Amino acid sequence: MMSLFRYATIDKNPQRSFQCVPLPILCSLLLFLILQIYIETFSYSIEKNIPPLPQPPTKMIAKLSALGDEKIYYALGLLWLQQYDRNNGQSLSYHTLNYHTLAQWLSLFTQLSPESEYPFVLAVRNYGAVFNTDKQNIMFDWVESQFPKAPLARWRWLAESIVQIKHHHKDHQRALKKANLLYEHTHSLDIPYWAKDLKIILMADLNEREALKIFIAGLIESGVIKDENERAFLIQRFEALDQASQKPSSQP
């Protein structure tokens, strides 16, 4: 009976000191509050014109501004960037964005979180979907510049860029240049053969028969190709090229 009385007298709602809250949580809340105030103030200060996209900070400054937590800056920065074209009810066309500056922001986010593919999703499928060849090429060139740093994680974004350049831009030379880079860094990696074969397809499109024959013969003889279906495809392609090259050219 005494024990029940003792538990009944315990304060069920004890007051906890503010100092008990962990410092990282307080800092994160403060950062979110500052960002919210900035966004609200910034949005109401603009009547008609939205200023140009600012230059990104260095990785060190970004890290310091997030109190040493790169992931916080990465997450908040991406949200800010994607909301930049919407301000005070206005929608800013991607055509008016400075894509060189945009590429620098994407580079910063990739430095802050190298394992994340989201900046590449934005580059290829969001900002790269604008109907402007020059701006699309800036995004595709940015993907190309970042690809060698992590080929196994980023090959699909370079391959998707190549496909878009081939089919939408009809710029086979530019696509082949990127396909050469793709093959150079992935020929020994476990990625789908359709991505590796982009180089062969583009060389065929450009009618580079002799160079393509040499390239395919080298692949077959090297023993790199382990898949029997892929090997059969290459042999068939080589034989077709060989037969085509032996046909006498028609005289006018």
Protein backbone atom coordinates (compact mmCIF):
# COMPACT_ATOMS: atom_id res chain seq x y z
CA MET A 1 0.00 0.00 0.00
CA MET A 2 2.79 2.35 0.83
CA SER A 3 4.50 1.64 -2.52
CA LEU A 4 1.32 2.51 -4.43
CA PHE A 5 1.02 5.77 -2.52
CA ARG A 6 4.66 6.57 -3.25
CA TYR A 7 4.19 6.12 -7.03
CA ALA A 8 0.95 8.07 -6.98
CA THR A 9 2.70 11.15 -5.62
CA ILE A 10 5.27 11.26 -8.42
CA ASP A 11 4.80 14.27 -10.70
CA LYS A 12 3.54 12.91 -14.02
CA ASN A 13 4.56 16.04 -15.96
CA PRO A 14 8.03 16.96 -14.74
CA GLN A 15 9.50 20.16 -16.11
CA ARG A 16 12.55 19.54 -18.31
CA SER A 17 15.27 22.08 -18.69
CA PHE A 18 15.79 23.67 -22.12
CA GLN A 19 19.43 22.72 -21.73
CA CYS A 20 18.46 19.04 -22.03
CA VAL A 21 17.77 19.46 -25.77
CA PRO A 22 20.84 18.26 -27.75
CA LEU A 23 22.86 21.06 -29.36
CA PRO A 24 22.69 19.62 -32.93
CA ILE A 25 18.87 19.64 -32.77
CA LEU A 26 18.83 23.24 -31.55
CA CYS A 27 21.23 24.28 -34.31
CA SER A 28 19.15 22.52 -36.97
CA LEU A 29 15.96 24.18 -35.75
CA LEU A 30 17.68 27.55 -35.76
CA LEU A 31 18.95 26.99 -39.30
CA PHE A 32 15.47 26.04 -40.52
CA LEU A 33 14.02 29.14 -38.85
CA ILE A 34 16.60 31.43 -40.46
CA LEU A 35 16.00 29.85 -43.86
CA GLN A 36 12.24 30.22 -43.54
CA ILE A 37 12.54 33.88 -42.58
CA TYR A 38 14.90 34.47 -45.50
CA ILE A 39 12.56 32.77 -47.99
CA GLU A 40 9.54 34.70 -46.78
CA THR A 41 11.37 38.03 -46.79
CA PHE A 42 12.91 37.35 -50.18
CA SER A 43 9.62 36.33 -51.79
CA TYR A 44 7.72 39.43 -50.62
CA SER A 45 10.53 41.80 -51.60
CA ILE A 46 10.14 40.93 -55.29
CA GLU A 47 7.39 42.51 -57.33
CA LYS A 48 8.11 41.58 -60.93
CA ASN A 49 11.73 40.69 -61.46
CA ILE A 50 13.48 37.67 -60.04
CA PRO A 51 17.24 38.26 -59.67
CA PRO A 52 19.75 36.04 -61.46
CA LEU A 53 20.73 32.78 -59.88
CA PRO A 54 23.58 33.63 -57.47
CA GLN A 55 26.96 31.97 -57.59
CA PRO A 56 27.24 28.99 -55.24
CA PRO A 57 29.56 29.13 -52.24
CA THR A 58 32.62 26.94 -51.91
CA LYS A 59 32.22 23.56 -50.28
CA MET A 60 33.97 24.84 -47.13
CA ILE A 61 31.67 27.86 -46.78
CA ALA A 62 28.62 25.69 -47.41
CA LYS A 63 29.73 23.30 -44.69
CA LEU A 64 30.42 26.10 -42.23
CA SER A 65 27.05 27.74 -42.91
CA ALA A 66 25.37 24.43 -42.02
CA LEU A 67 27.35 24.19 -38.78
CA GLY A 68 29.60 21.51 -40.19
CA ASP A 69 26.81 19.24 -41.44
CA GLU A 70 27.15 18.85 -45.22
CA LYS A 71 23.95 16.80 -45.48
CA ILE A 72 21.85 19.62 -44.04
CA TYR A 73 23.16 22.11 -46.61
CA TYR A 74 22.72 19.52 -49.36
CA ALA A 75 19.08 18.87 -48.50
CA LEU A 76 18.10 22.51 -47.90
CA GLY A 77 20.13 23.74 -50.86
CA LEU A 78 18.41 21.38 -53.28
CA LEU A 79 15.01 22.47 -51.99
CA TRP A 80 16.00 26.11 -52.41
CA LEU A 81 17.31 25.56 -55.94
CA GLN A 82 14.16 23.78 -57.09
CA GLN A 83 12.00 26.53 -55.63
CA TYR A 84 14.09 29.34 -57.12
CA ASP A 85 12.03 29.48 -60.31
CA ARG A 86 8.86 30.03 -58.25
CA ASN A 87 8.61 33.28 -56.36
CA ASN A 88 5.61 35.20 -55.07
CA GLY A 89 3.28 33.20 -57.28
CA GLN A 90 5.43 33.73 -60.36
CA SER A 91 6.99 30.96 -62.42
CA LEU A 92 10.40 31.61 -63.91
CA SER A 93 11.04 29.83 -67.19
CA TYR A 94 14.11 27.60 -67.31
CA HIS A 95 15.04 29.51 -70.47
CA THR A 96 15.89 32.54 -68.32
CA LEU A 97 18.12 30.63 -65.89
CA ASN A 98 21.88 30.87 -66.25
CA TYR A 99 22.70 27.24 -66.91
CA HIS A 100 26.43 27.69 -66.34
CA THR A 101 25.67 28.88 -62.80
CA LEU A 102 23.11 26.10 -62.44
CA ALA A 103 25.79 23.54 -63.33
CA GLN A 104 28.05 25.03 -60.62
CA TRP A 105 25.29 24.53 -58.04
CA LEU A 106 24.84 20.92 -59.12
CA SER A 107 28.60 20.42 -58.80
CA LEU A 108 28.49 21.75 -55.25
CA PHE A 109 25.68 19.38 -54.30
CA THR A 110 27.60 16.48 -55.83
CA GLN A 111 30.64 17.41 -53.73
CA LEU A 112 28.52 17.56 -50.59
CA SER A 113 26.88 14.18 -51.26
CA PRO A 114 28.90 12.20 -53.84
CA GLU A 115 26.77 9.08 -53.43
CA SER A 116 23.53 10.86 -54.33
CA GLU A 117 22.21 10.63 -57.89
CA TYR A 118 19.56 13.32 -57.43
CA PRO A 119 21.63 16.16 -58.96
CA PHE A 120 21.93 13.97 -62.08
CA VAL A 121 18.18 13.39 -62.14
CA LEU A 122 17.69 17.16 -62.10
CA ALA A 123 20.34 17.73 -64.77
CA VAL A 124 19.05 15.16 -67.28
CA ARG A 125 15.33 14.90 -66.67
CA ASN A 126 14.43 18.29 -65.24
CA TYR A 127 16.70 21.10 -66.40
CA GLY A 128 17.84 18.98 -69.37
CA ALA A 129 14.26 18.71 -70.63
CA VAL A 130 14.08 22.39 -71.58
CA PHE A 131 13.52 23.01 -75.31
CA ASN A 132 16.84 24.74 -75.80
CA THR A 133 19.71 22.78 -77.33
CA ASP A 134 22.46 25.00 -75.90
CA LYS A 135 21.08 24.76 -72.36
CA GLN A 136 20.54 21.02 -72.69
CA ASN A 137 24.13 20.60 -73.82
CA ILE A 138 25.36 22.47 -70.74
CA MET A 139 23.55 19.94 -68.56
CA PHE A 140 24.73 16.95 -70.62
CA ASP A 141 28.31 18.25 -70.61
CA TRP A 142 28.09 18.63 -66.84
CA VAL A 143 27.01 14.99 -66.53
CA GLU A 144 29.95 14.02 -68.73
CA SER A 145 32.37 15.96 -66.52
CA GLN A 146 31.11 14.24 -63.36
CA PHE A 147 30.79 10.73 -64.78
CA PRO A 148 34.48 9.61 -64.55
CA LYS A 149 34.50 10.25 -60.80
CA ALA A 150 32.03 7.38 -60.21
CA PRO A 151 31.38 5.49 -63.47
CA LEU A 152 29.48 2.57 -61.95
CA ALA A 153 27.01 4.87 -60.17
CA ARG A 154 26.63 7.46 -62.94
CA TRP A 155 26.79 5.54 -66.24
CA ARG A 156 23.01 5.62 -66.75
CA TRP A 157 22.89 9.42 -66.70
CA LEU A 158 25.63 9.72 -69.32
CA ALA A 159 23.93 7.02 -71.41
CA GLU A 160 20.59 8.82 -71.17
CA SER A 161 22.30 12.05 -72.24
CA ILE A 162 23.81 10.26 -75.25
CA VAL A 163 20.42 8.89 -76.30
CA GLN A 164 18.83 12.34 -76.08
CA ILE A 165 21.63 13.95 -78.08
CA LYS A 166 21.37 11.23 -80.74
CA HIS A 167 17.61 11.24 -81.16
CA HIS A 168 16.60 14.80 -80.30
CA HIS A 169 19.63 16.85 -81.33
CA LYS A 170 20.67 14.57 -84.20
CA ASP A 171 24.25 15.43 -83.24
CA HIS A 172 25.92 12.08 -83.74
CA GLN A 173 29.47 13.40 -83.43
CA ARG A 174 28.76 14.90 -80.03
CA ALA A 175 26.97 11.76 -78.94
CA LEU A 176 29.86 9.58 -80.12
CA LYS A 177 32.35 11.64 -78.12
CA LYS A 178 30.37 10.92 -74.95
CA ALA A 179 29.85 7.28 -75.95
CA ASN A 180 33.63 6.87 -76.28
CA LEU A 181 34.03 8.15 -72.72
CA LEU A 182 31.25 5.88 -71.51
CA TYR A 183 32.86 2.83 -73.05
CA GLU A 184 36.34 3.78 -71.86
CA HIS A 185 35.25 3.79 -68.21
CA THR A 186 32.71 0.95 -68.24
CA HIS A 187 33.93 -1.73 -70.66
CA SER A 188 35.10 -3.87 -67.72
CA LEU A 189 32.18 -3.00 -65.42
CA ASP A 190 28.95 -4.92 -64.96
CA ILE A 191 26.50 -2.64 -66.75
CA PRO A 192 23.91 -3.47 -69.45
CA TYR A 193 25.35 -4.12 -72.88
CA TRP A 194 22.97 -1.67 -74.52
CA ALA A 195 24.90 1.12 -72.79
CA LYS A 196 28.27 -0.24 -73.88
CA ASP A 197 26.95 -0.74 -77.43
CA LEU A 198 26.05 2.93 -77.84
CA LYS A 199 29.52 3.48 -79.27
CA ILE A 200 28.99 0.76 -81.88
CA ILE A 201 25.56 2.12 -82.83
CA LEU A 202 26.86 5.66 -83.28
CA MET A 203 29.88 4.57 -85.27
CA ALA A 204 27.52 2.68 -87.57
CA ASP A 205 25.29 5.75 -87.88
CA LEU A 206 28.31 7.80 -88.92
CA ASN A 207 29.28 5.15 -91.45
CA GLU A 208 32.70 4.61 -89.87
CA ARG A 209 32.87 1.07 -91.21
CA GLU A 210 36.58 0.36 -91.07
CA ALA A 211 37.05 1.89 -87.63
CA LEU A 212 34.01 -0.01 -86.40
CA LYS A 213 35.30 -3.32 -87.82
CA ILE A 214 38.62 -2.83 -86.01
CA PHE A 215 36.85 -1.93 -82.78
CA ILE A 216 34.48 -4.93 -82.89
CA ALA A 217 37.28 -7.33 -83.85
CA GLY A 218 39.30 -6.09 -80.89
CA LEU A 219 36.35 -6.68 -78.56
CA ILE A 220 35.81 -10.21 -79.82
CA GLU A 221 39.48 -11.17 -79.64
CA SER A 222 40.08 -9.58 -76.24
CA GLY A 223 37.81 -12.04 -74.45
CA VAL A 224 36.17 -9.21 -72.51
CA ILE A 225 32.73 -10.19 -73.79
CA LYS A 226 31.51 -13.08 -71.62
CA ASP A 227 27.85 -13.04 -72.60
CA GLU A 228 27.23 -15.42 -75.51
CA ASN A 229 24.33 -13.39 -76.90
CA GLU A 230 26.42 -10.23 -76.92
CA ARG A 231 29.32 -12.09 -78.54
CA ALA A 232 26.99 -13.46 -81.24
CA PHE A 233 25.63 -9.96 -81.85
CA LEU A 234 29.14 -8.56 -82.32
CA ILE A 235 30.17 -11.36 -84.68
CA GLN A 236 27.02 -10.81 -86.72
CA ARG A 237 27.66 -7.06 -86.85
CA PHE A 238 31.30 -7.64 -87.89
CA GLU A 239 30.32 -10.04 -90.69
CA ALA A 240 27.72 -7.58 -91.99
CA LEU A 241 30.29 -4.79 -92.03
CA ASP A 242 32.83 -7.03 -93.72
CA GLN A 243 30.39 -7.98 -96.47
CA ALA A 244 29.36 -4.35 -96.97
CA SER A 245 32.97 -3.24 -97.31
CA GLN A 246 33.66 -5.90 -99.98
CA LYS A 247 30.81 -4.78 -102.20
CA PRO A 248 32.07 -2.69 -105.13
CA SER A 249 30.86 0.90 -105.03
CA SER A 250 28.23 1.64 -107.66
CA GLN A 251 29.39 3.81 -110.53
CA PRO A 252 27.21 6.76 -111.53
